[in-house]
Amino acid sequence: MADGTILAMPRRREPSPVRSARMKPKLRVWIVFDERVKFGDGRAQLLELIDALGSIQQAVGRLNMSYRNAWGYLRELEKSAGFKFLERRPGAGPRGGARLTKQGRAFLAQYRRFRRALDPMVERRFRRTFAKR
């Protein structure tokens, strides 16, 4: 304009992508020890199964993991975390096997609380971001 007045142009809304009923958020979260050892939902499930079944061998069988990889991961995790997750008892039967230590059980409970708290936040953010406009 001649008098120097600047008119604000109306903001154009960017088109919203179509939100499909098949869309949903999926969050992967890890706790990282020593910048290399990751602990997430899969490892939590492994520890829960070991504790429930009393056996690393049975737990890895249910998860289709190799015993060698699981054993190596568990050793690395304990070294990086600075505490034992599992109490191992050599031998077969009721006296043998593996169970979570008190610290391992406490850590797993903390991880599960942390993880459960994230899901509603992610869902809210997803709905806001992909809301139909």
N, C-alpha and C. Protein backbone atom coordinates (compact mmCIF):
# COMPACT_ATOMS: atom_id res chain seq x y z
N MET A 1 0.84 -1.18 0.00
CA MET A 1 0.00 0.00 0.00
C MET A 1 0.88 1.24 0.00
N ALA A 2 0.32 2.29 -0.43
CA ALA A 2 1.06 3.53 -0.58
C ALA A 2 1.47 4.12 0.76
N ASP A 3 0.66 3.90 1.85
CA ASP A 3 0.99 4.51 3.13
C ASP A 3 1.92 3.65 3.98
N GLY A 4 2.43 2.54 3.43
CA GLY A 4 3.37 1.69 4.15
C GLY A 4 2.71 0.61 4.98
N THR A 5 1.39 0.53 4.97
CA THR A 5 0.70 -0.50 5.74
C THR A 5 0.93 -1.85 5.07
N ILE A 6 1.23 -2.83 5.88
CA ILE A 6 1.45 -4.17 5.36
C ILE A 6 0.24 -5.01 5.74
N LEU A 7 -0.33 -5.63 4.77
CA LEU A 7 -1.46 -6.52 5.04
C LEU A 7 -0.94 -7.93 5.23
N ALA A 8 -1.45 -8.57 6.26
CA ALA A 8 -1.05 -9.95 6.51
C ALA A 8 -1.82 -10.86 5.57
N MET A 9 -1.09 -11.73 4.95
CA MET A 9 -1.73 -12.70 4.08
C MET A 9 -2.26 -13.84 4.95
N PRO A 10 -3.44 -14.32 4.64
CA PRO A 10 -3.95 -15.44 5.43
C PRO A 10 -3.04 -16.66 5.24
N ARG A 11 -2.82 -17.37 6.36
CA ARG A 11 -1.96 -18.55 6.30
C ARG A 11 -2.69 -19.68 5.61
N ARG A 12 -1.99 -20.28 4.70
CA ARG A 12 -2.56 -21.43 4.02
C ARG A 12 -2.30 -22.67 4.85
N ARG A 13 -3.33 -23.44 5.07
CA ARG A 13 -3.15 -24.69 5.78
C ARG A 13 -2.60 -25.73 4.83
N GLU A 14 -1.60 -26.41 5.30
CA GLU A 14 -1.08 -27.48 4.47
C GLU A 14 -2.07 -28.63 4.51
N PRO A 15 -2.23 -29.28 3.41
CA PRO A 15 -3.18 -30.39 3.41
C PRO A 15 -2.72 -31.48 4.38
N SER A 16 -3.67 -31.99 5.13
CA SER A 16 -3.37 -33.05 6.08
C SER A 16 -3.35 -34.38 5.35
N PRO A 17 -2.38 -35.21 5.66
CA PRO A 17 -2.40 -36.52 5.01
C PRO A 17 -3.64 -37.27 5.45
N VAL A 18 -4.07 -38.15 4.64
CA VAL A 18 -5.25 -38.93 4.98
C VAL A 18 -4.90 -39.82 6.14
N ARG A 19 -5.76 -39.83 7.14
CA ARG A 19 -5.53 -40.71 8.28
C ARG A 19 -6.35 -41.96 8.06
N SER A 20 -5.69 -43.04 8.02
CA SER A 20 -6.33 -44.32 7.80
C SER A 20 -6.57 -45.01 9.13
N ALA A 21 -7.63 -45.78 9.19
CA ALA A 21 -7.91 -46.56 10.39
C ALA A 21 -6.80 -47.58 10.63
N ARG A 22 -6.04 -47.87 9.60
CA ARG A 22 -4.95 -48.84 9.73
C ARG A 22 -3.67 -48.22 10.27
N MET A 23 -3.65 -46.91 10.41
CA MET A 23 -2.45 -46.23 10.92
C MET A 23 -2.46 -46.21 12.44
N LYS A 24 -1.32 -46.50 13.01
CA LYS A 24 -1.17 -46.36 14.46
C LYS A 24 0.31 -46.15 14.76
N PRO A 25 0.59 -45.49 15.86
CA PRO A 25 2.00 -45.27 16.20
C PRO A 25 2.61 -46.53 16.80
N LYS A 26 3.88 -46.71 16.56
CA LYS A 26 4.64 -47.79 17.19
C LYS A 26 5.95 -47.18 17.65
N LEU A 27 6.17 -47.26 18.92
CA LEU A 27 7.34 -46.64 19.52
C LEU A 27 8.33 -47.70 19.96
N ARG A 28 9.57 -47.51 19.58
CA ARG A 28 10.65 -48.38 20.05
C ARG A 28 11.51 -47.56 20.98
N VAL A 29 11.70 -48.08 22.16
CA VAL A 29 12.46 -47.36 23.18
C VAL A 29 13.53 -48.29 23.72
N TRP A 30 14.71 -47.75 23.90
CA TRP A 30 15.79 -48.51 24.51
C TRP A 30 16.39 -47.69 25.63
N ILE A 31 16.85 -48.39 26.62
CA ILE A 31 17.73 -47.79 27.62
C ILE A 31 19.12 -48.26 27.20
N VAL A 32 20.04 -47.33 27.11
CA VAL A 32 21.37 -47.67 26.59
C VAL A 32 22.38 -47.60 27.73
N PHE A 33 23.12 -48.67 27.90
CA PHE A 33 24.20 -48.75 28.88
C PHE A 33 25.52 -48.62 28.13
N ASP A 34 26.42 -47.83 28.63
CA ASP A 34 27.76 -47.69 28.04
C ASP A 34 27.72 -47.38 26.54
N GLU A 35 26.71 -46.68 26.09
CA GLU A 35 26.59 -46.26 24.69
C GLU A 35 26.56 -47.41 23.69
N ARG A 36 26.36 -48.65 24.17
CA ARG A 36 26.35 -49.75 23.21
C ARG A 36 25.38 -50.88 23.56
N VAL A 37 25.11 -51.10 24.82
CA VAL A 37 24.23 -52.20 25.22
C VAL A 37 22.82 -51.66 25.37
N LYS A 38 21.91 -52.15 24.51
CA LYS A 38 20.54 -51.65 24.50
C LYS A 38 19.63 -52.59 25.28
N PHE A 39 18.70 -51.99 26.01
CA PHE A 39 17.69 -52.76 26.72
C PHE A 39 16.33 -52.20 26.33
N GLY A 40 15.49 -53.03 25.75
CA GLY A 40 14.17 -52.61 25.31
C GLY A 40 13.14 -53.69 25.56
N ASP A 41 12.02 -53.59 24.87
CA ASP A 41 10.90 -54.51 25.09
C ASP A 41 11.27 -55.98 24.87
N GLY A 42 12.05 -56.25 23.85
CA GLY A 42 12.43 -57.64 23.57
C GLY A 42 13.29 -58.23 24.68
N ARG A 43 14.22 -57.46 25.18
CA ARG A 43 15.10 -57.94 26.26
C ARG A 43 14.31 -58.06 27.56
N ALA A 44 13.36 -57.15 27.75
CA ALA A 44 12.50 -57.24 28.94
C ALA A 44 11.68 -58.53 28.89
N GLN A 45 11.18 -58.84 27.71
CA GLN A 45 10.40 -60.06 27.54
C GLN A 45 11.27 -61.30 27.81
N LEU A 46 12.51 -61.26 27.34
CA LEU A 46 13.44 -62.36 27.59
C LEU A 46 13.62 -62.57 29.10
N LEU A 47 13.88 -61.49 29.82
CA LEU A 47 14.08 -61.62 31.26
C LEU A 47 12.81 -62.11 31.97
N GLU A 48 11.66 -61.62 31.55
CA GLU A 48 10.39 -62.08 32.15
C GLU A 48 10.18 -63.57 31.92
N LEU A 49 10.47 -64.03 30.72
CA LEU A 49 10.31 -65.46 30.43
C LEU A 49 11.31 -66.31 31.20
N ILE A 50 12.55 -65.86 31.30
CA ILE A 50 13.54 -66.60 32.08
C ILE A 50 13.05 -66.74 33.51
N ASP A 51 12.54 -65.65 34.08
CA ASP A 51 12.07 -65.69 35.45
C ASP A 51 10.86 -66.61 35.61
N ALA A 52 9.93 -66.52 34.66
CA ALA A 52 8.71 -67.33 34.74
C ALA A 52 8.99 -68.81 34.54
N LEU A 53 9.89 -69.12 33.60
CA LEU A 53 10.16 -70.52 33.25
C LEU A 53 11.30 -71.12 34.07
N GLY A 54 12.12 -70.24 34.66
CA GLY A 54 13.26 -70.72 35.43
C GLY A 54 14.38 -71.26 34.58
N SER A 55 14.37 -70.91 33.29
CA SER A 55 15.35 -71.48 32.37
C SER A 55 15.64 -70.54 31.22
N ILE A 56 16.91 -70.28 31.00
CA ILE A 56 17.31 -69.48 29.85
C ILE A 56 17.01 -70.26 28.58
N GLN A 57 17.33 -71.55 28.60
CA GLN A 57 17.12 -72.41 27.43
C GLN A 57 15.65 -72.41 26.99
N GLN A 58 14.73 -72.56 27.91
CA GLN A 58 13.30 -72.57 27.56
C GLN A 58 12.84 -71.21 27.07
N ALA A 59 13.35 -70.15 27.70
CA ALA A 59 12.95 -68.79 27.32
C ALA A 59 13.39 -68.47 25.89
N VAL A 60 14.64 -68.78 25.56
CA VAL A 60 15.12 -68.49 24.21
C VAL A 60 14.41 -69.36 23.19
N GLY A 61 14.03 -70.56 23.58
CA GLY A 61 13.27 -71.44 22.68
C GLY A 61 11.93 -70.83 22.33
N ARG A 62 11.27 -70.23 23.29
CA ARG A 62 9.97 -69.59 23.03
C ARG A 62 10.10 -68.35 22.16
N LEU A 63 11.23 -67.68 22.26
CA LEU A 63 11.44 -66.45 21.50
C LEU A 63 12.18 -66.69 20.18
N ASN A 64 12.49 -67.93 19.90
CA ASN A 64 13.25 -68.28 18.69
C ASN A 64 14.58 -67.54 18.62
N MET A 65 15.25 -67.45 19.76
CA MET A 65 16.58 -66.83 19.83
C MET A 65 17.61 -67.94 19.99
N SER A 66 18.82 -67.63 19.65
CA SER A 66 19.87 -68.61 19.91
C SER A 66 20.32 -68.45 21.36
N TYR A 67 20.61 -69.56 21.99
CA TYR A 67 21.07 -69.56 23.37
C TYR A 67 22.37 -68.78 23.48
N ARG A 68 23.25 -68.99 22.52
CA ARG A 68 24.56 -68.33 22.55
C ARG A 68 24.41 -66.80 22.51
N ASN A 69 23.55 -66.29 21.61
CA ASN A 69 23.35 -64.84 21.53
C ASN A 69 22.73 -64.29 22.81
N ALA A 70 21.74 -65.00 23.35
CA ALA A 70 21.09 -64.54 24.58
C ALA A 70 22.09 -64.53 25.74
N TRP A 71 22.87 -65.58 25.86
CA TRP A 71 23.85 -65.69 26.94
C TRP A 71 24.88 -64.56 26.83
N GLY A 72 25.37 -64.31 25.62
CA GLY A 72 26.33 -63.22 25.41
C GLY A 72 25.72 -61.87 25.75
N TYR A 73 24.50 -61.65 25.32
CA TYR A 73 23.81 -60.39 25.63
C TYR A 73 23.66 -60.22 27.14
N LEU A 74 23.22 -61.26 27.82
CA LEU A 74 22.99 -61.17 29.27
C LEU A 74 24.30 -60.86 30.02
N ARG A 75 25.38 -61.49 29.61
CA ARG A 75 26.69 -61.19 30.23
C ARG A 75 27.08 -59.73 30.01
N GLU A 76 26.89 -59.27 28.77
CA GLU A 76 27.23 -57.88 28.42
C GLU A 76 26.35 -56.89 29.18
N LEU A 77 25.07 -57.20 29.28
CA LEU A 77 24.13 -56.35 30.00
C LEU A 77 24.52 -56.22 31.47
N GLU A 78 24.81 -57.33 32.10
CA GLU A 78 25.20 -57.29 33.52
C GLU A 78 26.50 -56.52 33.72
N LYS A 79 27.44 -56.70 32.84
CA LYS A 79 28.71 -55.97 32.94
C LYS A 79 28.48 -54.47 32.80
N SER A 80 27.69 -54.07 31.79
CA SER A 80 27.45 -52.65 31.54
C SER A 80 26.58 -52.01 32.63
N ALA A 81 25.60 -52.74 33.11
CA ALA A 81 24.69 -52.19 34.14
C ALA A 81 25.37 -52.12 35.49
N GLY A 82 26.34 -52.99 35.73
CA GLY A 82 27.05 -52.98 37.00
C GLY A 82 26.35 -53.78 38.08
N PHE A 83 25.38 -54.61 37.71
CA PHE A 83 24.74 -55.51 38.67
C PHE A 83 24.22 -56.73 37.94
N LYS A 84 23.97 -57.77 38.71
CA LYS A 84 23.47 -59.03 38.15
C LYS A 84 21.97 -58.94 37.95
N PHE A 85 21.52 -59.35 36.78
CA PHE A 85 20.09 -59.44 36.49
C PHE A 85 19.57 -60.83 36.85
N LEU A 86 20.42 -61.82 36.66
CA LEU A 86 20.00 -63.20 36.87
C LEU A 86 20.84 -63.90 37.93
N GLU A 87 20.14 -64.73 38.68
CA GLU A 87 20.79 -65.65 39.60
C GLU A 87 20.76 -67.00 38.89
N ARG A 88 21.94 -67.54 38.62
CA ARG A 88 22.02 -68.80 37.89
C ARG A 88 22.37 -69.92 38.84
N ARG A 89 21.64 -71.02 38.70
CA ARG A 89 21.94 -72.22 39.49
C ARG A 89 22.21 -73.36 38.53
N PRO A 90 23.43 -73.87 38.51
CA PRO A 90 23.74 -74.97 37.60
C PRO A 90 22.91 -76.21 37.93
N GLY A 91 22.66 -77.00 36.89
CA GLY A 91 21.95 -78.26 37.09
C GLY A 91 20.55 -78.22 36.54
N ALA A 92 19.99 -79.39 36.38
CA ALA A 92 18.62 -79.51 35.87
C ALA A 92 17.65 -79.69 37.03
N GLY A 93 16.39 -79.57 36.72
CA GLY A 93 15.36 -79.80 37.72
C GLY A 93 15.05 -78.56 38.53
N PRO A 94 14.33 -78.74 39.65
CA PRO A 94 13.86 -77.59 40.43
C PRO A 94 14.98 -76.77 41.08
N ARG A 95 16.14 -77.38 41.28
CA ARG A 95 17.24 -76.65 41.91
C ARG A 95 18.10 -75.89 40.90
N GLY A 96 18.02 -76.25 39.65
CA GLY A 96 18.84 -75.61 38.62
C GLY A 96 18.06 -74.50 37.93
N GLY A 97 18.73 -73.85 36.98
CA GLY A 97 18.06 -72.84 36.18
C GLY A 97 18.46 -71.42 36.51
N ALA A 98 17.58 -70.49 36.20
CA ALA A 98 17.88 -69.06 36.40
C ALA A 98 16.62 -68.32 36.82
N ARG A 99 16.80 -67.33 37.63
CA ARG A 99 15.73 -66.44 38.09
C ARG A 99 16.28 -65.02 38.16
N LEU A 100 15.39 -64.05 38.13
CA LEU A 100 15.81 -62.66 38.29
C LEU A 100 16.29 -62.42 39.71
N THR A 101 17.34 -61.62 39.82
CA THR A 101 17.78 -61.19 41.15
C THR A 101 16.81 -60.11 41.63
N LYS A 102 16.95 -59.72 42.86
CA LYS A 102 16.11 -58.64 43.42
C LYS A 102 16.32 -57.35 42.61
N GLN A 103 17.59 -57.04 42.30
CA GLN A 103 17.90 -55.85 41.49
C GLN A 103 17.37 -55.98 40.08
N GLY A 104 17.48 -57.16 39.50
CA GLY A 104 16.97 -57.40 38.16
C GLY A 104 15.46 -57.21 38.10
N ARG A 105 14.76 -57.74 39.11
CA ARG A 105 13.31 -57.60 39.17
C ARG A 105 12.91 -56.14 39.36
N ALA A 106 13.64 -55.41 40.20
CA ALA A 106 13.34 -53.99 40.43
C ALA A 106 13.58 -53.18 39.15
N PHE A 107 14.69 -53.45 38.46
CA PHE A 107 14.98 -52.74 37.21
C PHE A 107 13.89 -53.01 36.18
N LEU A 108 13.50 -54.26 36.04
CA LEU A 108 12.48 -54.64 35.07
C LEU A 108 11.15 -53.95 35.40
N ALA A 109 10.80 -53.88 36.67
CA ALA A 109 9.56 -53.20 37.08
C ALA A 109 9.64 -51.70 36.74
N GLN A 110 10.79 -51.08 36.98
CA GLN A 110 10.97 -49.67 36.63
C GLN A 110 10.86 -49.46 35.13
N TYR A 111 11.49 -50.34 34.37
CA TYR A 111 11.42 -50.23 32.91
C TYR A 111 9.98 -50.34 32.44
N ARG A 112 9.23 -51.30 32.96
CA ARG A 112 7.84 -51.49 32.54
C ARG A 112 6.98 -50.27 32.90
N ARG A 113 7.20 -49.68 34.08
CA ARG A 113 6.46 -48.45 34.45
C ARG A 113 6.80 -47.32 33.49
N PHE A 114 8.07 -47.14 33.21
CA PHE A 114 8.54 -46.12 32.28
C PHE A 114 7.91 -46.33 30.91
N ARG A 115 7.95 -47.55 30.42
CA ARG A 115 7.44 -47.87 29.08
C ARG A 115 5.92 -47.67 28.99
N ARG A 116 5.18 -48.13 30.00
CA ARG A 116 3.71 -47.96 30.00
C ARG A 116 3.31 -46.50 30.00
N ALA A 117 4.09 -45.65 30.65
CA ALA A 117 3.77 -44.22 30.72
C ALA A 117 3.96 -43.55 29.35
N LEU A 118 4.82 -44.10 28.50
CA LEU A 118 5.07 -43.49 27.19
C LEU A 118 3.92 -43.73 26.21
N ASP A 119 3.29 -44.87 26.27
CA ASP A 119 2.26 -45.23 25.29
C ASP A 119 1.12 -44.22 25.20
N PRO A 120 0.51 -43.78 26.31
CA PRO A 120 -0.56 -42.79 26.20
C PRO A 120 -0.08 -41.45 25.64
N MET A 121 1.15 -41.04 25.98
CA MET A 121 1.69 -39.79 25.45
C MET A 121 1.88 -39.88 23.94
N VAL A 122 2.39 -40.99 23.48
CA VAL A 122 2.60 -41.19 22.05
C VAL A 122 1.26 -41.20 21.32
N GLU A 123 0.28 -41.86 21.89
CA GLU A 123 -1.06 -41.93 21.27
C GLU A 123 -1.67 -40.54 21.17
N ARG A 124 -1.57 -39.73 22.24
CA ARG A 124 -2.11 -38.36 22.20
C ARG A 124 -1.42 -37.53 21.13
N ARG A 125 -0.11 -37.59 21.08
CA ARG A 125 0.65 -36.82 20.10
C ARG A 125 0.31 -37.27 18.68
N PHE A 126 0.16 -38.56 18.49
CA PHE A 126 -0.21 -39.10 17.18
C PHE A 126 -1.58 -38.56 16.75
N ARG A 127 -2.55 -38.62 17.65
CA ARG A 127 -3.90 -38.12 17.31
C ARG A 127 -3.88 -36.65 16.97
N ARG A 128 -3.12 -35.85 17.74
CA ARG A 128 -3.02 -34.42 17.45
C ARG A 128 -2.34 -34.15 16.12
N THR A 129 -1.29 -34.87 15.85
CA THR A 129 -0.51 -34.65 14.64
C THR A 129 -1.26 -35.10 13.40
N PHE A 130 -1.96 -36.20 13.49
CA PHE A 130 -2.65 -36.76 12.33
C PHE A 130 -4.17 -36.56 12.40
N ALA A 131 -4.60 -35.57 13.15
CA ALA A 131 -6.03 -35.31 13.27
C ALA A 131 -6.59 -34.90 11.91
N LYS A 132 -7.80 -35.33 11.65
CA LYS A 132 -8.48 -34.91 10.41
C LYS A 132 -8.85 -33.45 10.54
N ARG A 133 -8.58 -32.68 9.51
CA ARG A 133 -8.86 -31.24 9.57
C ARG A 133 -9.86 -30.89 8.52
